[in-house]
């Protein structure tokens, strides 16, 4: 069996996606890239260099439901008859299940109000999301075979163990190959140059930050020798990268608590503005989503409480405002290194 990383562009989101080809007794793709003409041409060219066409693919394994990872899966499946495999939590969205997408979008719109997102920002974000759907970036419908954590996927001489890694999405999964158990394919659970968004990237998760902290702790404890991420170059010390991201989120939690200490109370949009400044495109979702994930995590652990609801940025929505509890304020004042402890794994 041979293995190849195919680097793909992505003009819609962050960019620099990876698709991975395993070619042996079966021809298997792990992730496919977004369904836009340039990325399709890049994937076709990358496969052609390896003497593989879309029609040759026997199976597609998907890390999570985002368009830049699953967009071309339906087209490849239609051409090749390949089976497509994804975690049960994300499978309905990949399959274009209307109820699943309606529920996701309804949850987004409720949170836009809860976060205090102003109407002009909301209109810009919805225009960006609608434009993406209009371009068909999620591609054609997919017949998905769902898997769960701990399942073993076998395709000829390729065997992958599923490691559920929620946080960025509810169903995000990593894969450990049987012939290289010290390596892991992480999708967007672990990335080399930036931290995956938590909170806005998948609004279905309750306490998304807690889920992601658990994922990072698992990756740290596994101490893999190499990670193959969903974007950019391989990671040669995954444990160190997981530890760095945990520390990053501890520092961000500290900054969120400081905003509340300074403002008295604030909604997620206000906290986001203090952390990230002005936002555009998909970041209008990701910024307050990240703030919300931290606020809810601090609330879950008794450091923050909901103060009250009041008019949003334009006075036409009711936003949820948070404030520090007495315990939260005391804990903040006691911190000396600019971090709010989220995990014992980094100490």
Protein backbone atom coordinates (compact mmCIF):
# COMPACT_ATOMS: atom_id res chain seq x y z
CA UNK A 1 0.00 0.00 0.00
CA UNK A 2 1.22 3.50 -0.82
CA UNK A 3 0.26 6.70 0.97
CA UNK A 4 0.26 10.27 -0.38
CA UNK A 5 -0.75 13.69 0.94
CA UNK A 6 -2.44 15.83 -1.73
CA UNK A 7 -2.31 19.55 -0.92
CA UNK A 8 -5.39 21.48 -2.04
CA UNK A 9 -6.22 25.16 -2.21
CA UNK A 10 -9.39 26.61 -0.73
CA UNK A 11 -10.56 30.09 -1.66
CA UNK A 12 -13.72 29.84 0.45
CA UNK A 13 -12.39 29.30 3.97
CA UNK A 14 -8.95 29.09 5.58
CA UNK A 15 -7.24 27.29 2.72
CA UNK A 16 -4.40 24.77 2.38
CA UNK A 17 -6.54 21.66 2.81
CA UNK A 18 -5.18 18.13 2.72
CA UNK A 19 -6.62 15.02 1.13
CA UNK A 20 -4.87 11.73 1.83
CA UNK A 21 -4.74 8.85 -0.64
CA UNK A 22 -4.16 5.24 0.39
CA UNK A 23 -3.63 3.05 -2.64
CA UNK A 24 -3.26 -0.69 -2.18
CA UNK A 25 -5.76 -3.51 -2.28
CA UNK A 26 -8.34 -0.71 -2.07
CA UNK A 27 -8.11 2.93 -3.14
CA UNK A 28 -9.19 5.15 -0.24
CA UNK A 29 -9.42 8.93 0.14
CA UNK A 30 -9.43 10.63 3.53
CA UNK A 31 -11.23 13.97 3.00
CA UNK A 32 -11.81 15.49 -0.43
CA UNK A 33 -11.68 19.29 -0.34
CA UNK A 34 -14.39 21.85 -1.07
CA UNK A 35 -16.65 21.55 -4.13
CA UNK A 36 -15.36 24.45 -6.21
CA UNK A 37 -13.82 24.12 -9.70
CA UNK A 38 -10.24 25.02 -8.71
CA UNK A 39 -10.12 22.51 -5.86
CA UNK A 40 -11.74 19.82 -8.01
CA UNK A 41 -9.07 20.37 -10.67
CA UNK A 42 -6.30 20.22 -8.05
CA UNK A 43 -7.61 16.97 -6.60
CA UNK A 44 -8.01 15.43 -10.05
CA UNK A 45 -4.48 16.49 -10.99
CA UNK A 46 -3.01 15.19 -7.74
CA UNK A 47 -4.71 11.84 -8.19
CA UNK A 48 -3.77 11.65 -11.86
CA UNK A 49 -0.08 12.02 -10.95
CA UNK A 50 -0.57 8.84 -8.92
CA UNK A 51 -2.43 7.17 -11.80
CA UNK A 52 -5.77 7.36 -9.99
CA UNK A 53 -9.06 8.79 -11.28
CA UNK A 54 -12.25 9.60 -9.36
CA UNK A 55 -13.76 6.42 -10.80
CA UNK A 56 -11.03 4.32 -9.15
CA UNK A 57 -11.87 5.33 -5.58
CA UNK A 58 -13.31 2.47 -3.49
CA UNK A 59 -13.96 4.33 -0.22
CA UNK A 60 -13.94 7.85 1.24
CA UNK A 61 -13.36 8.48 4.94
CA UNK A 62 -14.39 11.92 6.22
CA UNK A 63 -13.08 13.63 9.33
CA UNK A 64 -16.08 15.97 9.80
CA UNK A 65 -18.93 17.66 7.95
CA UNK A 66 -17.43 21.02 6.95
CA UNK A 67 -17.53 21.79 3.24
CA UNK A 68 -13.77 22.13 2.84
CA UNK A 69 -13.43 18.48 3.87
CA UNK A 70 -16.47 16.79 2.33
CA UNK A 71 -17.45 18.89 -0.68
CA UNK A 72 -16.31 16.54 -3.45
CA UNK A 73 -17.36 13.29 -1.74
CA UNK A 74 -20.76 13.10 -3.43
CA UNK A 75 -19.35 13.67 -6.89
CA UNK A 76 -16.66 11.02 -6.39
CA UNK A 77 -19.19 8.58 -4.98
CA UNK A 78 -21.52 9.14 -7.94
CA UNK A 79 -18.69 8.46 -10.38
CA UNK A 80 -17.04 5.53 -8.61
CA UNK A 81 -19.67 3.94 -6.38
CA UNK A 82 -17.32 4.46 -3.43
CA UNK A 83 -18.61 3.95 0.09
CA UNK A 84 -18.44 7.10 2.24
CA UNK A 85 -17.81 6.86 5.98
CA UNK A 86 -18.31 9.53 8.66
CA UNK A 87 -19.14 9.75 12.36
CA UNK A 88 -22.82 9.30 13.16
CA UNK A 89 -23.04 12.80 14.69
CA UNK A 90 -22.01 14.48 11.42
CA UNK A 91 -23.39 11.95 8.92
CA UNK A 92 -26.87 13.54 8.51
CA UNK A 93 -25.33 16.89 7.54
CA UNK A 94 -22.98 15.22 5.06
CA UNK A 95 -25.97 13.36 3.61
CA UNK A 96 -27.78 16.71 3.09
CA UNK A 97 -30.57 15.70 5.48
CA UNK A 98 -32.94 18.69 5.39
CA UNK A 99 -34.12 18.29 8.98
CA UNK A 100 -30.54 18.18 10.26
CA UNK A 101 -29.63 21.33 8.33
CA UNK A 102 -32.83 23.11 9.39
CA UNK A 103 -32.06 22.32 13.03
CA UNK A 104 -28.49 23.58 12.67
CA UNK A 105 -29.57 26.82 11.02
CA UNK A 106 -32.33 27.41 13.58
CA UNK A 107 -29.78 26.96 16.36
CA UNK A 108 -27.43 29.42 14.66
CA UNK A 109 -30.12 32.08 14.39
CA UNK A 110 -31.12 31.70 18.02
CA UNK A 111 -27.53 32.06 19.08
CA UNK A 112 -27.03 35.15 16.89
CA UNK A 113 -29.70 36.78 19.06
CA UNK A 114 -28.31 35.36 22.31
CA UNK A 115 -24.83 36.58 21.42
CA UNK A 116 -26.07 40.11 20.70
CA UNK A 117 -24.94 40.04 17.06
CA UNK A 118 -26.01 43.34 15.42
CA UNK A 119 -28.34 43.10 12.43
CA UNK A 120 -25.78 44.44 9.93
CA UNK A 121 -23.22 41.82 10.99
CA UNK A 122 -25.91 39.15 10.88
CA UNK A 123 -26.89 40.15 7.35
CA UNK A 124 -23.26 40.07 6.22
CA UNK A 125 -22.72 36.63 7.74
CA UNK A 126 -25.93 35.16 6.32
CA UNK A 127 -25.03 36.59 2.92
CA UNK A 128 -21.64 34.87 3.11
CA UNK A 129 -23.19 31.56 4.18
CA UNK A 130 -25.94 31.78 1.55
CA UNK A 131 -23.38 32.56 -1.14
CA UNK A 132 -21.46 29.45 -0.16
CA UNK A 133 -24.57 27.32 -0.41
CA UNK A 134 -25.36 28.93 -3.75
CA UNK A 135 -21.92 27.94 -5.04
CA UNK A 136 -22.67 24.39 -3.97
CA UNK A 137 -19.55 24.14 -1.82
CA UNK A 138 -21.04 21.15 0.04
CA UNK A 139 -21.31 19.32 -3.26
CA UNK A 140 -23.73 16.57 -4.18
CA UNK A 141 -25.73 14.50 -1.68
CA UNK A 142 -23.83 11.60 -0.16
CA UNK A 143 -24.91 8.12 0.91
CA UNK A 144 -23.06 7.90 4.25
CA UNK A 145 -22.14 4.83 6.27
CA UNK A 146 -21.88 6.05 9.89
CA UNK A 147 -19.24 4.92 12.36
CA UNK A 148 -18.72 5.45 16.10
CA UNK A 149 -15.76 5.92 18.40
CA UNK A 150 -13.58 2.84 18.59
CA UNK A 151 -14.83 1.31 15.35
CA UNK A 152 -12.31 -0.32 13.02
CA UNK A 153 -12.59 0.52 9.34
CA UNK A 154 -11.07 -2.01 6.93
CA UNK A 155 -10.50 -1.49 3.22
CA UNK A 156 -8.30 -4.22 1.76
CA UNK A 157 -4.90 -3.87 3.40
CA UNK A 158 -5.80 -0.54 5.06
CA UNK A 159 -7.17 -0.63 8.61
CA UNK A 160 -8.06 2.53 10.56
CA UNK A 161 -9.23 2.83 14.16
CA UNK A 162 -11.72 5.64 14.83
CA UNK A 163 -10.92 8.06 17.65
CA UNK A 164 -13.85 10.43 18.22
CA UNK A 165 -12.46 13.96 18.74
CA UNK A 166 -15.37 16.38 19.31
CA UNK A 167 -15.01 20.12 19.83
CA UNK A 168 -14.60 21.69 16.41
CA UNK A 169 -17.65 19.67 15.33
CA UNK A 170 -19.79 17.14 17.16
CA UNK A 171 -18.62 14.26 14.99
CA UNK A 172 -15.02 15.17 14.20
CA UNK A 173 -12.91 12.02 14.27
CA UNK A 174 -9.25 11.10 14.11
CA UNK A 175 -7.92 7.87 12.61
CA UNK A 176 -5.04 5.68 13.70
CA UNK A 177 -3.66 3.28 11.04
CA UNK A 178 -3.03 -0.29 12.16
CA UNK A 179 0.32 -0.39 10.37
CA UNK A 180 1.53 2.85 12.01
CA UNK A 181 -0.14 3.06 15.45
CA UNK A 182 2.14 5.90 16.56
CA UNK A 183 0.67 8.20 13.89
CA UNK A 184 -2.76 9.83 13.65
CA UNK A 185 -4.88 11.61 11.05
CA UNK A 186 -6.46 14.48 12.96
CA UNK A 187 -8.63 16.44 10.53
CA UNK A 188 -9.16 19.79 12.26
CA UNK A 189 -8.76 18.45 15.80
CA UNK A 190 -5.08 19.40 15.70
CA UNK A 191 -3.65 21.93 13.25
CA UNK A 192 -0.07 23.16 12.90
CA UNK A 193 -0.41 26.93 12.51
CA UNK A 194 -3.60 28.04 14.22
CA UNK A 195 -6.16 26.78 16.70
CA UNK A 196 -9.39 25.24 15.37
CA UNK A 197 -12.48 27.30 16.06
CA UNK A 198 -14.65 26.05 18.92
CA UNK A 199 -18.19 27.31 19.45
CA UNK A 200 -19.02 28.85 16.08
CA UNK A 201 -17.76 26.03 13.88
CA UNK A 202 -20.54 23.74 15.13
CA UNK A 203 -23.27 25.27 17.28
CA UNK A 204 -24.87 21.89 18.02
CA UNK A 205 -22.40 21.07 20.80
CA UNK A 206 -23.21 21.85 24.41
CA UNK A 207 -20.05 23.04 26.21
CA UNK A 208 -17.95 22.66 23.07
CA UNK A 209 -14.82 23.87 24.85
CA UNK A 210 -15.05 21.11 27.46
CA UNK A 211 -15.37 18.56 24.65
CA UNK A 212 -12.35 20.02 22.88
CA UNK A 213 -10.24 20.10 26.05
CA UNK A 214 -10.97 16.40 26.41
CA UNK A 215 -9.90 15.79 22.81
CA UNK A 216 -6.64 17.67 23.33
CA UNK A 217 -5.92 15.78 26.55
CA UNK A 218 -6.44 12.49 24.71
CA UNK A 219 -4.08 13.53 21.91
CA UNK A 220 -1.51 14.70 24.42
CA UNK A 221 -1.65 11.49 26.44
CA UNK A 222 -1.43 9.29 23.33
CA UNK A 223 1.93 10.92 22.51
CA UNK A 224 1.85 10.14 18.80
CA UNK A 225 5.07 10.59 16.84
CA UNK A 226 3.35 12.38 13.96
CA UNK A 227 -0.03 13.89 13.13
CA UNK A 228 -1.40 14.35 9.63
CA UNK A 229 -3.78 17.34 9.90
CA UNK A 230 -6.64 18.54 7.73
CA UNK A 231 -4.68 21.66 6.75
CA UNK A 232 -1.05 22.40 6.00
CA UNK A 233 2.08 20.43 6.91
CA UNK A 234 2.42 17.34 9.14
CA UNK A 235 2.97 17.88 12.87
CA UNK A 236 6.10 16.15 14.16
CA UNK A 237 5.34 16.56 17.89
CA UNK A 238 1.55 16.28 18.28
CA UNK A 239 1.68 16.20 22.09
CA UNK A 240 3.57 19.49 22.19
CA UNK A 241 1.08 21.03 19.77
CA UNK A 242 -1.88 19.79 21.86
CA UNK A 243 -0.25 21.24 24.98
CA UNK A 244 0.27 24.58 23.20
CA UNK A 245 -3.40 24.76 22.17
CA UNK A 246 -4.54 23.92 25.71
CA UNK A 247 -2.36 26.75 27.01
CA UNK A 248 -3.78 29.04 24.32
CA UNK A 249 -7.32 28.34 25.50
CA UNK A 250 -6.33 28.87 29.14
CA UNK A 251 -4.95 32.28 28.20
CA UNK A 252 -8.10 33.06 26.24
CA UNK A 253 -10.30 32.08 29.19
CA UNK A 254 -8.29 34.48 31.34
CA UNK A 255 -8.84 37.26 28.79
CA UNK A 256 -12.60 36.53 28.65
CA UNK A 257 -12.82 36.74 32.44
CA UNK A 258 -10.89 40.03 32.35
CA UNK A 259 -13.41 41.49 29.90
CA UNK A 260 -16.20 40.65 32.33
CA UNK A 261 -14.24 42.06 35.25
CA UNK A 262 -13.78 45.31 33.36
CA UNK A 263 -17.26 45.57 31.84
CA UNK A 264 -19.30 44.24 34.75
CA UNK A 265 -21.42 42.21 32.35
CA UNK A 266 -21.25 41.54 28.62
CA UNK A 267 -22.74 39.39 25.89
CA UNK A 268 -20.70 37.16 23.59
CA UNK A 269 -20.59 39.75 20.81
CA UNK A 270 -19.11 42.37 23.15
CA UNK A 271 -16.54 39.91 24.49
CA UNK A 272 -15.66 38.93 20.91
CA UNK A 273 -15.17 42.56 19.91
CA UNK A 274 -12.78 43.05 22.83
CA UNK A 275 -10.83 39.91 21.92
CA UNK A 276 -10.81 40.02 18.11
CA UNK A 277 -11.91 43.49 16.97
CA UNK A 278 -13.90 43.90 13.75
CA UNK A 279 -14.79 40.70 11.91
CA UNK A 280 -15.80 39.78 8.37
CA UNK A 281 -17.17 36.78 6.48
CA UNK A 282 -17.07 33.46 8.37
CA UNK A 283 -15.23 35.11 11.28
CA UNK A 284 -18.47 36.91 12.18
CA UNK A 285 -19.61 33.43 13.22
CA UNK A 286 -16.34 32.18 14.64
CA UNK A 287 -15.48 35.19 16.82
CA UNK A 288 -18.57 35.36 19.04
CA UNK A 289 -18.82 31.56 18.83
CA UNK A 290 -15.38 31.26 20.42
CA UNK A 291 -16.31 33.83 23.07
CA UNK A 292 -19.57 31.98 23.75
CA UNK A 293 -17.76 28.65 24.14
CA UNK A 294 -15.49 30.17 26.77
CA UNK A 295 -18.30 31.97 28.56
CA UNK A 296 -20.39 28.80 28.75
CA UNK A 297 -17.40 26.76 29.92
CA UNK A 298 -16.69 29.27 32.69
CA UNK A 299 -20.39 29.23 33.55
CA UNK A 300 -20.38 25.43 33.75
CA UNK A 301 -17.57 25.63 36.29
CA UNK A 302 -19.19 28.31 38.46
CA UNK A 303 -16.93 31.23 37.52
CA UNK A 304 -19.57 33.02 35.43
CA UNK A 305 -23.32 33.39 35.67
CA UNK A 306 -25.96 34.82 33.36
CA UNK A 307 -26.63 38.34 34.59
CA UNK A 308 -29.74 39.18 32.60
CA UNK A 309 -31.09 39.54 29.09
CA UNK A 310 -31.32 42.90 27.39
CA UNK A 311 -31.56 44.45 23.95
CA UNK A 312 -28.84 43.35 21.52
CA UNK A 313 -26.52 45.55 19.52
CA UNK A 314 -29.42 47.22 17.69
CA UNK A 315 -31.96 46.97 20.48
CA UNK A 316 -34.07 44.52 18.45
CA UNK A 317 -32.85 41.25 19.95
CA UNK A 318 -32.46 39.94 23.48
CA UNK A 319 -28.85 39.06 24.16
CA UNK A 320 -27.64 36.92 27.04
CA UNK A 321 -25.21 38.80 29.27
CA UNK A 322 -22.68 37.19 31.56
CA UNK A 323 -20.89 38.38 34.69
CA UNK A 324 -18.29 36.92 37.00
CA UNK A 325 -19.49 35.22 40.14
CA UNK A 326 -17.81 36.13 43.42
CA UNK A 327 -15.85 32.88 43.13
CA UNK A 328 -14.90 33.68 39.55
CA UNK A 329 -13.69 37.16 40.49
CA UNK A 330 -11.68 35.76 43.39
CA UNK A 331 -10.09 33.11 41.18
CA UNK A 332 -9.27 35.71 38.51
CA UNK A 333 -7.59 37.96 41.07
CA UNK A 334 -5.52 35.03 42.33
CA UNK A 335 -4.05 34.16 38.94
CA UNK A 336 -0.54 35.41 38.30
CA UNK A 337 0.50 33.83 34.99
CA UNK A 338 -2.31 35.08 32.73
CA UNK A 339 -4.00 31.68 32.37
CA UNK A 340 -7.30 30.26 33.59
CA UNK A 341 -6.78 26.55 34.34
CA UNK A 342 -8.83 24.34 32.02
CA UNK A 343 -6.80 21.14 32.21
CA UNK A 344 -4.28 19.43 34.44
CA UNK A 345 -2.62 18.03 31.33
CA UNK A 346 -0.54 21.16 30.69
CA UNK A 347 0.93 21.24 34.20
